[in-house]
Amino acid sequence: MVAGGIGAAFALAACCAVPLLLASLGIGAVWLAPVVSASQPHAEALTGVSAIALLGSVGVVARAPKHCEPNATCSRPWFRWTVITTAFVGAVLLVLSKVYA
């Protein structure tokens, strides 16, 4: 879910925020033109998908048991923090895509 959320947020941020970041790093952003042209007609749907996927991924990880019982499925602390951190990066991309659009 977090990968889908970041993918949708990246597609939205490809128009303005990502090229600005890449230009500040000295990297060209011409290769993003096809992503921008494909994502702009679906901007509102991508915003919804990204927000739902990012919130859902954090919700699933947050609700997982923190202590493992014998023969039970649980999330490890490093996995939990990786998902939460990655979802935060996706949320930042989503906000930047709306601020700079």
C-alpha atoms as a PDB file:
ATOM      1  CA  MET A   1       0.000   0.000   0.000  1.00  0.00           C
ATOM      2  CA  VAL A   2       2.776   2.403   0.799  1.00  0.00           C
ATOM      3  CA  ALA A   3       4.398   1.786  -2.598  1.00  0.00           C
ATOM      4  CA  GLY A   4       1.141   2.622  -4.356  1.00  0.00           C
ATOM      5  CA  GLY A   5       0.751   5.759  -2.278  1.00  0.00           C
ATOM      6  CA  ILE A   6       4.254   6.928  -3.059  1.00  0.00           C
ATOM      7  CA  GLY A   7       3.807   6.089  -6.740  1.00  0.00           C
ATOM      8  CA  ALA A   8       0.654   8.183  -6.950  1.00  0.00           C
ATOM      9  CA  ALA A   9       2.239  11.031  -4.970  1.00  0.00           C
ATOM     10  CA  PHE A  10       5.311  10.936  -7.232  1.00  0.00           C
ATOM     11  CA  ALA A  11       3.122  11.093 -10.332  1.00  0.00           C
ATOM     12  CA  LEU A  12       1.399  14.161  -8.915  1.00  0.00           C
ATOM     13  CA  ALA A  13       4.626  15.827  -7.797  1.00  0.00           C
ATOM     14  CA  ALA A  14       6.319  15.170 -11.155  1.00  0.00           C
ATOM     15  CA  CYS A  15       4.921  18.397 -12.589  1.00  0.00           C
ATOM     16  CA  CYS A  16       6.455  20.871 -10.193  1.00  0.00           C
ATOM     17  CA  ALA A  17       7.968  19.686  -6.914  1.00  0.00           C
ATOM     18  CA  VAL A  18      10.211  16.877  -8.187  1.00  0.00           C
ATOM     19  CA  PRO A  19      11.741  18.914 -11.060  1.00  0.00           C
ATOM     20  CA  LEU A  20      12.424  21.732  -8.605  1.00  0.00           C
ATOM     21  CA  LEU A  21      14.179  19.326  -6.257  1.00  0.00           C
ATOM     22  CA  LEU A  22      16.136  17.696  -9.075  1.00  0.00           C
ATOM     23  CA  ALA A  23      17.167  21.069 -10.520  1.00  0.00           C
ATOM     24  CA  SER A  24      18.428  22.148  -7.112  1.00  0.00           C
ATOM     25  CA  LEU A  25      20.581  19.014  -7.091  1.00  0.00           C
ATOM     26  CA  GLY A  26      21.840  19.719 -10.622  1.00  0.00           C
ATOM     27  CA  ILE A  27      19.953  16.826 -12.206  1.00  0.00           C
ATOM     28  CA  GLY A  28      17.838  17.298 -15.330  1.00  0.00           C
ATOM     29  CA  ALA A  29      14.116  16.570 -15.167  1.00  0.00           C
ATOM     30  CA  VAL A  30      13.180  16.361 -18.861  1.00  0.00           C
ATOM     31  CA  TRP A  31      12.508  12.633 -18.497  1.00  0.00           C
ATOM     32  CA  LEU A  32       9.511  13.462 -16.270  1.00  0.00           C
ATOM     33  CA  ALA A  33       7.483  14.971 -19.154  1.00  0.00           C
ATOM     34  CA  PRO A  34       5.661  11.714 -20.034  1.00  0.00           C
ATOM     35  CA  VAL A  35       4.782  11.138 -16.372  1.00  0.00           C
ATOM     36  CA  VAL A  36       3.351  14.651 -16.090  1.00  0.00           C
ATOM     37  CA  SER A  37       1.272  14.356 -19.255  1.00  0.00           C
ATOM     38  CA  ALA A  38      -0.135  10.999 -18.145  1.00  0.00           C
ATOM     39  CA  SER A  39      -0.893  12.008 -14.563  1.00  0.00           C
ATOM     40  CA  GLN A  40      -2.433  15.463 -14.934  1.00  0.00           C
ATOM     41  CA  PRO A  41      -5.822  14.362 -16.320  1.00  0.00           C
ATOM     42  CA  HIS A  42      -6.190  12.060 -13.306  1.00  0.00           C
ATOM     43  CA  ALA A  43      -4.841  14.396 -10.619  1.00  0.00           C
ATOM     44  CA  GLU A  44      -7.847  14.267  -8.288  1.00  0.00           C
ATOM     45  CA  ALA A  45      -8.117  10.473  -8.457  1.00  0.00           C
ATOM     46  CA  LEU A  46      -4.383  10.106  -7.842  1.00  0.00           C
ATOM     47  CA  THR A  47      -4.640  12.411  -4.835  1.00  0.00           C
ATOM     48  CA  GLY A  48      -7.364  10.259  -3.322  1.00  0.00           C
ATOM     49  CA  VAL A  49      -5.586   6.995  -4.074  1.00  0.00           C
ATOM     50  CA  SER A  50      -2.343   8.302  -2.630  1.00  0.00           C
ATOM     51  CA  ALA A  51      -3.937   9.594   0.576  1.00  0.00           C
ATOM     52  CA  ILE A  52      -5.949   6.415   1.149  1.00  0.00           C
ATOM     53  CA  ALA A  53      -2.979   4.141   0.442  1.00  0.00           C
ATOM     54  CA  LEU A  54      -0.603   6.086   2.689  1.00  0.00           C
ATOM     55  CA  LEU A  55      -3.070   6.302   5.574  1.00  0.00           C
ATOM     56  CA  GLY A  56      -4.067   2.670   5.107  1.00  0.00           C
ATOM     57  CA  SER A  57      -0.490   1.435   5.194  1.00  0.00           C
ATOM     58  CA  VAL A  58       0.223   3.306   8.418  1.00  0.00           C
ATOM     59  CA  GLY A  59      -3.067   2.065   9.878  1.00  0.00           C
ATOM     60  CA  VAL A  60      -2.298  -1.563   9.082  1.00  0.00           C
ATOM     61  CA  VAL A  61       1.162  -1.356  10.605  1.00  0.00           C
ATOM     62  CA  ALA A  62      -0.030   0.589  13.646  1.00  0.00           C
ATOM     63  CA  ARG A  63      -2.760  -1.947  14.394  1.00  0.00           C
ATOM     64  CA  ALA A  64      -0.435  -4.943  14.126  1.00  0.00           C
ATOM     65  CA  PRO A  65       0.436  -6.461  17.499  1.00  0.00           C
ATOM     66  CA  LYS A  66       3.637  -5.111  18.954  1.00  0.00           C
ATOM     67  CA  HIS A  67       4.472  -8.289  20.839  1.00  0.00           C
ATOM     68  CA  CYS A  68       4.763 -11.596  19.057  1.00  0.00           C
ATOM     69  CA  GLU A  69       3.025 -14.581  20.528  1.00  0.00           C
ATOM     70  CA  PRO A  70       3.999 -18.133  19.577  1.00  0.00           C
ATOM     71  CA  ASN A  71       2.874 -19.004  16.026  1.00  0.00           C
ATOM     72  CA  ALA A  72       1.462 -15.493  15.468  1.00  0.00           C
ATOM     73  CA  THR A  73       2.104 -13.002  12.715  1.00  0.00           C
ATOM     74  CA  CYS A  74       3.404  -9.637  13.854  1.00  0.00           C
ATOM     75  CA  SER A  75       5.433  -6.800  12.431  1.00  0.00           C
ATOM     76  CA  ARG A  76       9.002  -6.266  13.461  1.00  0.00           C
ATOM     77  CA  PRO A  77       9.955  -2.825  14.820  1.00  0.00           C
ATOM     78  CA  TRP A  78      12.290  -2.046  11.892  1.00  0.00           C
ATOM     79  CA  PHE A  79       9.530  -2.906   9.415  1.00  0.00           C
ATOM     80  CA  ARG A  80       7.014  -0.787  11.296  1.00  0.00           C
ATOM     81  CA  TRP A  81       9.314   2.259  11.260  1.00  0.00           C
ATOM     82  CA  THR A  82      10.284   1.710   7.637  1.00  0.00           C
ATOM     83  CA  VAL A  83       6.642   1.761   6.562  1.00  0.00           C
ATOM     84  CA  ILE A  84       5.853   4.808   8.697  1.00  0.00           C
ATOM     85  CA  THR A  85       8.913   6.710   7.427  1.00  0.00           C
ATOM     86  CA  THR A  86       8.182   5.802   3.817  1.00  0.00           C
ATOM     87  CA  ALA A  87       4.559   6.869   4.226  1.00  0.00           C
ATOM     88  CA  PHE A  88       5.776  10.173   5.654  1.00  0.00           C
ATOM     89  CA  VAL A  89       7.951  10.708   2.566  1.00  0.00           C
ATOM     90  CA  GLY A  90       4.916   9.964   0.397  1.00  0.00           C
ATOM     91  CA  ALA A  91       2.823  12.433   2.380  1.00  0.00           C
ATOM     92  CA  VAL A  92       5.477  15.124   1.915  1.00  0.00           C
ATOM     93  CA  LEU A  93       5.465  14.451  -1.844  1.00  0.00           C
ATOM     94  CA  LEU A  94       1.677  14.675  -1.854  1.00  0.00           C
ATOM     95  CA  VAL A  95       1.663  17.996  -0.008  1.00  0.00           C
ATOM     96  CA  LEU A  96       4.423  19.398  -2.236  1.00  0.00           C
ATOM     97  CA  SER A  97       2.475  18.367  -5.327  1.00  0.00           C
ATOM     98  CA  LYS A  98      -0.490  20.415  -4.133  1.00  0.00           C
ATOM     99  CA  VAL A  99       1.571  23.409  -2.970  1.00  0.00           C
ATOM    100  CA  TYR A 100       3.607  23.759  -6.165  1.00  0.00           C
ATOM    101  CA  ALA A 101       0.902  22.759  -8.659  1.00  0.00           C
END
